[in-house]
Amino acid sequence: NAALWRGVYAKKLDIILPKAFKDRTTSERIAFGVQDLLIDNNGITGVFYGENLLPIDKGSASGWKFSVDSIRLALEANHLTRAGFGGKIGLPITKIETNGTTRNKLLEYSAIITPGSGYLCRVITKDSLDFDLWKAKVILQPNSYIQLAGNEDGLKPEAMLHGTMGIVARSMGT
């Protein structure tokens, strides 16, 4: 009965943490948002999200540059229904040079976690990737991806790579 329902509903809510929780390198305070927030006797329901949480110059995944650009968590009556995050990752083999400085070319990734503890992470190329590997020149096209899918027991890798590879053979002088 809708007339007997008691609770709080907010279509969209932005939550900005106090100044004590700001990034010391910027003046911006940490914030996150909630869409369709419902709090009642069944618990909390809503989609929680955050943006620009970990910049590429501060994140590390075993030494590879790594960012968390967005994160989303969906709850329904206190139960996780879906979760995911995404950002960029820099591979050490894809270094590019601009204005005399060398940096890693960035790939984009997205990851989801399902309520049944399933994981899916996909890394995609945003632009063509050009790098040397085992004395070969490799160019991957933007429609290439690498994916890891599985659960807490293990992950199954999958790759769909589109591009070209040229092998340079050098003759030994006599």
C-alpha atoms as a PDB file:
ATOM      1  CA  ASN A   1       0.000   0.000   0.000  1.00  0.00           C
ATOM      2  CA  ALA A   2       1.638   3.232  -1.218  1.00  0.00           C
ATOM      3  CA  ALA A   3      -0.150   5.298   1.449  1.00  0.00           C
ATOM      4  CA  LEU A   4       1.591   3.347   4.231  1.00  0.00           C
ATOM      5  CA  TRP A   5       5.119   3.552   2.763  1.00  0.00           C
ATOM      6  CA  ARG A   6       7.617   5.456   4.901  1.00  0.00           C
ATOM      7  CA  GLY A   7      11.093   6.382   3.747  1.00  0.00           C
ATOM      8  CA  VAL A   8      13.279   8.882   1.929  1.00  0.00           C
ATOM      9  CA  TYR A   9      13.720   9.196  -1.841  1.00  0.00           C
ATOM     10  CA  ALA A  10      16.128  11.423  -3.791  1.00  0.00           C
ATOM     11  CA  LYS A  11      16.354  11.366  -7.596  1.00  0.00           C
ATOM     12  CA  LYS A  12      19.948  12.659  -7.543  1.00  0.00           C
ATOM     13  CA  LEU A  13      22.221  13.565  -4.668  1.00  0.00           C
ATOM     14  CA  ASP A  14      25.816  14.845  -4.728  1.00  0.00           C
ATOM     15  CA  ILE A  15      27.896  14.215  -1.617  1.00  0.00           C
ATOM     16  CA  ILE A  16      31.009  16.365  -1.121  1.00  0.00           C
ATOM     17  CA  LEU A  17      33.323  15.305   1.673  1.00  0.00           C
ATOM     18  CA  PRO A  18      34.751  17.900   4.111  1.00  0.00           C
ATOM     19  CA  LYS A  19      37.922  19.864   3.243  1.00  0.00           C
ATOM     20  CA  ALA A  20      39.997  17.478   5.371  1.00  0.00           C
ATOM     21  CA  PHE A  21      39.465  14.783   2.710  1.00  0.00           C
ATOM     22  CA  LYS A  22      40.668  16.784  -0.309  1.00  0.00           C
ATOM     23  CA  ASP A  23      43.545  15.835  -2.597  1.00  0.00           C
ATOM     24  CA  ARG A  24      46.554  17.774  -1.317  1.00  0.00           C
ATOM     25  CA  THR A  25      47.807  18.469  -4.856  1.00  0.00           C
ATOM     26  CA  THR A  26      44.606  20.271  -5.923  1.00  0.00           C
ATOM     27  CA  SER A  27      41.945  22.446  -4.351  1.00  0.00           C
ATOM     28  CA  GLU A  28      39.177  20.017  -5.342  1.00  0.00           C
ATOM     29  CA  ARG A  29      37.363  18.122  -2.638  1.00  0.00           C
ATOM     30  CA  ILE A  30      36.438  14.462  -3.001  1.00  0.00           C
ATOM     31  CA  ALA A  31      32.839  13.960  -4.073  1.00  0.00           C
ATOM     32  CA  PHE A  32      30.546  11.169  -5.142  1.00  0.00           C
ATOM     33  CA  GLY A  33      26.936  10.945  -6.165  1.00  0.00           C
ATOM     34  CA  VAL A  34      23.844   8.803  -5.801  1.00  0.00           C
ATOM     35  CA  GLN A  35      20.999   8.335  -8.265  1.00  0.00           C
ATOM     36  CA  ASP A  36      17.540   7.105  -7.303  1.00  0.00           C
ATOM     37  CA  LEU A  37      18.405   6.836  -3.616  1.00  0.00           C
ATOM     38  CA  LEU A  38      15.726   5.096  -1.584  1.00  0.00           C
ATOM     39  CA  ILE A  39      16.027   4.502   2.143  1.00  0.00           C
ATOM     40  CA  ASP A  40      13.188   2.617   3.814  1.00  0.00           C
ATOM     41  CA  ASN A  41      12.540  -0.370   6.071  1.00  0.00           C
ATOM     42  CA  ASN A  42      13.891  -2.689   3.317  1.00  0.00           C
ATOM     43  CA  GLY A  43      17.298  -0.982   3.386  1.00  0.00           C
ATOM     44  CA  ILE A  44      19.208   1.215   0.937  1.00  0.00           C
ATOM     45  CA  THR A  45      18.579   1.181  -2.809  1.00  0.00           C
ATOM     46  CA  GLY A  46      20.399   3.331  -5.351  1.00  0.00           C
ATOM     47  CA  VAL A  47      23.289   3.724  -7.749  1.00  0.00           C
ATOM     48  CA  PHE A  48      26.419   5.217  -6.136  1.00  0.00           C
ATOM     49  CA  TYR A  49      29.100   6.690  -8.399  1.00  0.00           C
ATOM     50  CA  GLY A  50      32.377   8.551  -8.286  1.00  0.00           C
ATOM     51  CA  GLU A  51      34.429  10.260 -11.003  1.00  0.00           C
ATOM     52  CA  ASN A  52      38.172  10.954 -11.384  1.00  0.00           C
ATOM     53  CA  LEU A  53      39.129   9.034  -8.245  1.00  0.00           C
ATOM     54  CA  LEU A  54      42.748   8.112  -9.049  1.00  0.00           C
ATOM     55  CA  PRO A  55      44.689  10.138 -11.652  1.00  0.00           C
ATOM     56  CA  ILE A  56      46.982   8.292 -14.073  1.00  0.00           C
ATOM     57  CA  ASP A  57      50.112   9.922 -12.616  1.00  0.00           C
ATOM     58  CA  LYS A  58      49.320   8.631  -9.104  1.00  0.00           C
ATOM     59  CA  GLY A  59      48.053   5.098  -9.759  1.00  0.00           C
ATOM     60  CA  SER A  60      50.176   1.980 -10.181  1.00  0.00           C
ATOM     61  CA  ALA A  61      49.257  -1.581 -11.144  1.00  0.00           C
ATOM     62  CA  SER A  62      52.484  -3.482 -10.468  1.00  0.00           C
ATOM     63  CA  GLY A  63      54.507  -0.595 -11.882  1.00  0.00           C
ATOM     64  CA  TRP A  64      52.227   0.149 -14.852  1.00  0.00           C
ATOM     65  CA  LYS A  65      50.522   3.553 -14.877  1.00  0.00           C
ATOM     66  CA  PHE A  66      46.903   3.104 -13.826  1.00  0.00           C
ATOM     67  CA  SER A  67      43.867   5.326 -13.217  1.00  0.00           C
ATOM     68  CA  VAL A  68      40.360   4.934 -11.854  1.00  0.00           C
ATOM     69  CA  ASP A  69      38.254   7.425 -13.795  1.00  0.00           C
ATOM     70  CA  SER A  70      34.845   6.184 -12.675  1.00  0.00           C
ATOM     71  CA  ILE A  71      33.206   3.715 -10.315  1.00  0.00           C
ATOM     72  CA  ARG A  72      29.584   2.603  -9.960  1.00  0.00           C
ATOM     73  CA  LEU A  73      27.852   0.455  -7.323  1.00  0.00           C
ATOM     74  CA  ALA A  74      24.183  -0.485  -7.454  1.00  0.00           C
ATOM     75  CA  LEU A  75      22.350  -1.618  -4.325  1.00  0.00           C
ATOM     76  CA  GLU A  76      18.836  -2.942  -4.046  1.00  0.00           C
ATOM     77  CA  ALA A  77      17.467  -3.360  -0.523  1.00  0.00           C
ATOM     78  CA  ASN A  78      21.055  -3.531   0.858  1.00  0.00           C
ATOM     79  CA  HIS A  79      22.121  -6.181  -1.731  1.00  0.00           C
ATOM     80  CA  LEU A  80      24.757  -5.488  -4.368  1.00  0.00           C
ATOM     81  CA  THR A  81      23.195  -5.927  -7.805  1.00  0.00           C
ATOM     82  CA  ARG A  82      26.152  -4.721  -9.894  1.00  0.00           C
ATOM     83  CA  ALA A  83      29.469  -2.916  -9.584  1.00  0.00           C
ATOM     84  CA  GLY A  84      32.004  -1.639 -12.030  1.00  0.00           C
ATOM     85  CA  PHE A  85      34.857   0.745 -12.591  1.00  0.00           C
ATOM     86  CA  GLY A  86      36.963   2.012 -15.455  1.00  0.00           C
ATOM     87  CA  GLY A  87      39.943   4.103 -16.361  1.00  0.00           C
ATOM     88  CA  LYS A  88      43.223   3.983 -18.229  1.00  0.00           C
ATOM     89  CA  ILE A  89      46.325   1.808 -18.062  1.00  0.00           C
ATOM     90  CA  GLY A  90      49.750   2.445 -19.588  1.00  0.00           C
ATOM     91  CA  LEU A  91      51.727  -0.517 -20.891  1.00  0.00           C
ATOM     92  CA  PRO A  92      55.510  -0.194 -20.555  1.00  0.00           C
ATOM     93  CA  ILE A  93      56.074  -1.617 -24.069  1.00  0.00           C
ATOM     94  CA  THR A  94      54.127   1.233 -25.712  1.00  0.00           C
ATOM     95  CA  LYS A  95      56.302   4.221 -24.850  1.00  0.00           C
ATOM     96  CA  ILE A  96      55.847   7.295 -27.022  1.00  0.00           C
ATOM     97  CA  GLU A  97      57.869  10.473 -27.141  1.00  0.00           C
ATOM     98  CA  THR A  98      56.416  13.981 -27.113  1.00  0.00           C
ATOM     99  CA  ASN A  99      58.447  17.154 -26.768  1.00  0.00           C
ATOM    100  CA  GLY A 100      61.518  15.225 -25.620  1.00  0.00           C
ATOM    101  CA  THR A 101      59.727  13.336 -22.819  1.00  0.00           C
ATOM    102  CA  THR A 102      58.917   9.638 -22.960  1.00  0.00           C
ATOM    103  CA  ARG A 103      55.585   8.408 -21.635  1.00  0.00           C
ATOM    104  CA  ASN A 104      53.469   5.294 -21.936  1.00  0.00           C
ATOM    105  CA  LYS A 105      50.655   5.249 -24.455  1.00  0.00           C
ATOM    106  CA  LEU A 106      47.397   4.715 -22.593  1.00  0.00           C
ATOM    107  CA  LEU A 107      44.779   2.021 -23.052  1.00  0.00           C
ATOM    108  CA  GLU A 108      41.261   2.201 -21.657  1.00  0.00           C
ATOM    109  CA  TYR A 109      39.785  -0.505 -19.435  1.00  0.00           C
ATOM    110  CA  SER A 110      36.429  -1.282 -17.913  1.00  0.00           C
ATOM    111  CA  ALA A 111      35.692  -3.854 -15.232  1.00  0.00           C
ATOM    112  CA  ILE A 112      32.467  -5.215 -13.759  1.00  0.00           C
ATOM    113  CA  ILE A 113      31.766  -7.372 -10.740  1.00  0.00           C
ATOM    114  CA  THR A 114      28.501  -9.300 -10.646  1.00  0.00           C
ATOM    115  CA  PRO A 115      26.597 -10.267  -7.491  1.00  0.00           C
ATOM    116  CA  GLY A 116      27.671 -13.915  -7.963  1.00  0.00           C
ATOM    117  CA  SER A 117      31.351 -12.890  -7.620  1.00  0.00           C
ATOM    118  CA  GLY A 118      31.916 -12.923 -11.379  1.00  0.00           C
ATOM    119  CA  TYR A 119      34.570 -10.620 -12.847  1.00  0.00           C
ATOM    120  CA  LEU A 120      34.956  -9.185 -16.320  1.00  0.00           C
ATOM    121  CA  CYS A 121      37.753  -6.776 -17.252  1.00  0.00           C
ATOM    122  CA  ARG A 122      38.277  -5.527 -20.800  1.00  0.00           C
ATOM    123  CA  VAL A 123      41.197  -3.425 -22.041  1.00  0.00           C
ATOM    124  CA  ILE A 124      40.718  -1.678 -25.378  1.00  0.00           C
ATOM    125  CA  THR A 125      42.972   0.355 -27.618  1.00  0.00           C
ATOM    126  CA  LYS A 126      41.813   3.940 -28.039  1.00  0.00           C
ATOM    127  CA  ASP A 127      44.177   4.677 -30.939  1.00  0.00           C
ATOM    128  CA  SER A 128      46.503   2.541 -33.022  1.00  0.00           C
ATOM    129  CA  LEU A 129      49.341   1.138 -30.914  1.00  0.00           C
ATOM    130  CA  ASP A 130      52.808   1.043 -32.386  1.00  0.00           C
ATOM    131  CA  PHE A 131      55.576  -0.857 -30.542  1.00  0.00           C
ATOM    132  CA  ASP A 132      58.561  -3.158 -31.000  1.00  0.00           C
ATOM    133  CA  LEU A 133      58.340  -6.731 -29.751  1.00  0.00           C
ATOM    134  CA  TRP A 134      60.936  -9.493 -30.299  1.00  0.00           C
ATOM    135  CA  LYS A 135      62.604  -7.616 -33.170  1.00  0.00           C
ATOM    136  CA  ALA A 136      59.215  -7.111 -34.819  1.00  0.00           C
ATOM    137  CA  LYS A 137      57.247  -3.938 -35.444  1.00  0.00           C
ATOM    138  CA  VAL A 138      53.653  -4.346 -34.201  1.00  0.00           C
ATOM    139  CA  ILE A 139      50.717  -2.054 -34.943  1.00  0.00           C
ATOM    140  CA  LEU A 140      47.420  -2.838 -33.179  1.00  0.00           C
ATOM    141  CA  GLN A 141      44.242  -1.212 -34.474  1.00  0.00           C
ATOM    142  CA  PRO A 142      41.691   0.520 -32.190  1.00  0.00           C
ATOM    143  CA  ASN A 143      39.198  -2.372 -32.423  1.00  0.00           C
ATOM    144  CA  SER A 144      41.603  -4.698 -30.558  1.00  0.00           C
ATOM    145  CA  TYR A 145      40.917  -5.769 -26.980  1.00  0.00           C
ATOM    146  CA  ILE A 146      42.125  -8.024 -24.176  1.00  0.00           C
ATOM    147  CA  GLN A 147      39.586  -9.447 -21.749  1.00  0.00           C
ATOM    148  CA  LEU A 148      39.719 -11.375 -18.476  1.00  0.00           C
ATOM    149  CA  ALA A 149      36.544 -13.133 -17.346  1.00  0.00           C
ATOM    150  CA  GLY A 150      35.895 -15.476 -14.464  1.00  0.00           C
ATOM    151  CA  ASN A 151      35.230 -15.637 -10.761  1.00  0.00           C
ATOM    152  CA  GLU A 152      37.125 -16.030  -7.492  1.00  0.00           C
ATOM    153  CA  ASP A 153      38.345 -19.489  -8.592  1.00  0.00           C
ATOM    154  CA  GLY A 154      40.161 -18.237 -11.691  1.00  0.00           C
ATOM    155  CA  LEU A 155      40.207 -15.971 -14.722  1.00  0.00           C
ATOM    156  CA  LYS A 156      40.075 -16.924 -18.401  1.00  0.00           C
ATOM    157  CA  PRO A 157      41.957 -14.594 -20.755  1.00  0.00           C
ATOM    158  CA  GLU A 158      40.739 -13.730 -24.231  1.00  0.00           C
ATOM    159  CA  ALA A 159      42.319 -11.441 -26.823  1.00  0.00           C
ATOM    160  CA  MET A 160      41.020 -10.092 -30.114  1.00  0.00           C
ATOM    161  CA  LEU A 161      43.950  -8.366 -31.804  1.00  0.00           C
ATOM    162  CA  HIS A 162      43.648  -6.614 -35.167  1.00  0.00           C
ATOM    163  CA  GLY A 163      46.656  -5.107 -36.867  1.00  0.00           C
ATOM    164  CA  THR A 164      49.959  -5.856 -38.539  1.00  0.00           C
ATOM    165  CA  MET A 165      53.339  -7.209 -37.538  1.00  0.00           C
ATOM    166  CA  GLY A 166      56.499  -6.885 -39.572  1.00  0.00           C
ATOM    167  CA  ILE A 167      59.672  -8.823 -38.824  1.00  0.00           C
ATOM    168  CA  VAL A 168      62.975  -7.156 -39.636  1.00  0.00           C
ATOM    169  CA  ALA A 169      65.654  -9.646 -40.648  1.00  0.00           C
ATOM    170  CA  ARG A 170      69.251  -8.525 -40.636  1.00  0.00           C
ATOM    171  CA  SER A 171      71.854 -10.417 -42.560  1.00  0.00           C
ATOM    172  CA  MET A 172      75.222 -11.105 -41.008  1.00  0.00           C
ATOM    173  CA  GLY A 173      78.075  -9.632 -43.047  1.00  0.00           C
ATOM    174  CA  THR A 174      80.805 -11.943 -44.377  1.00  0.00           C
END
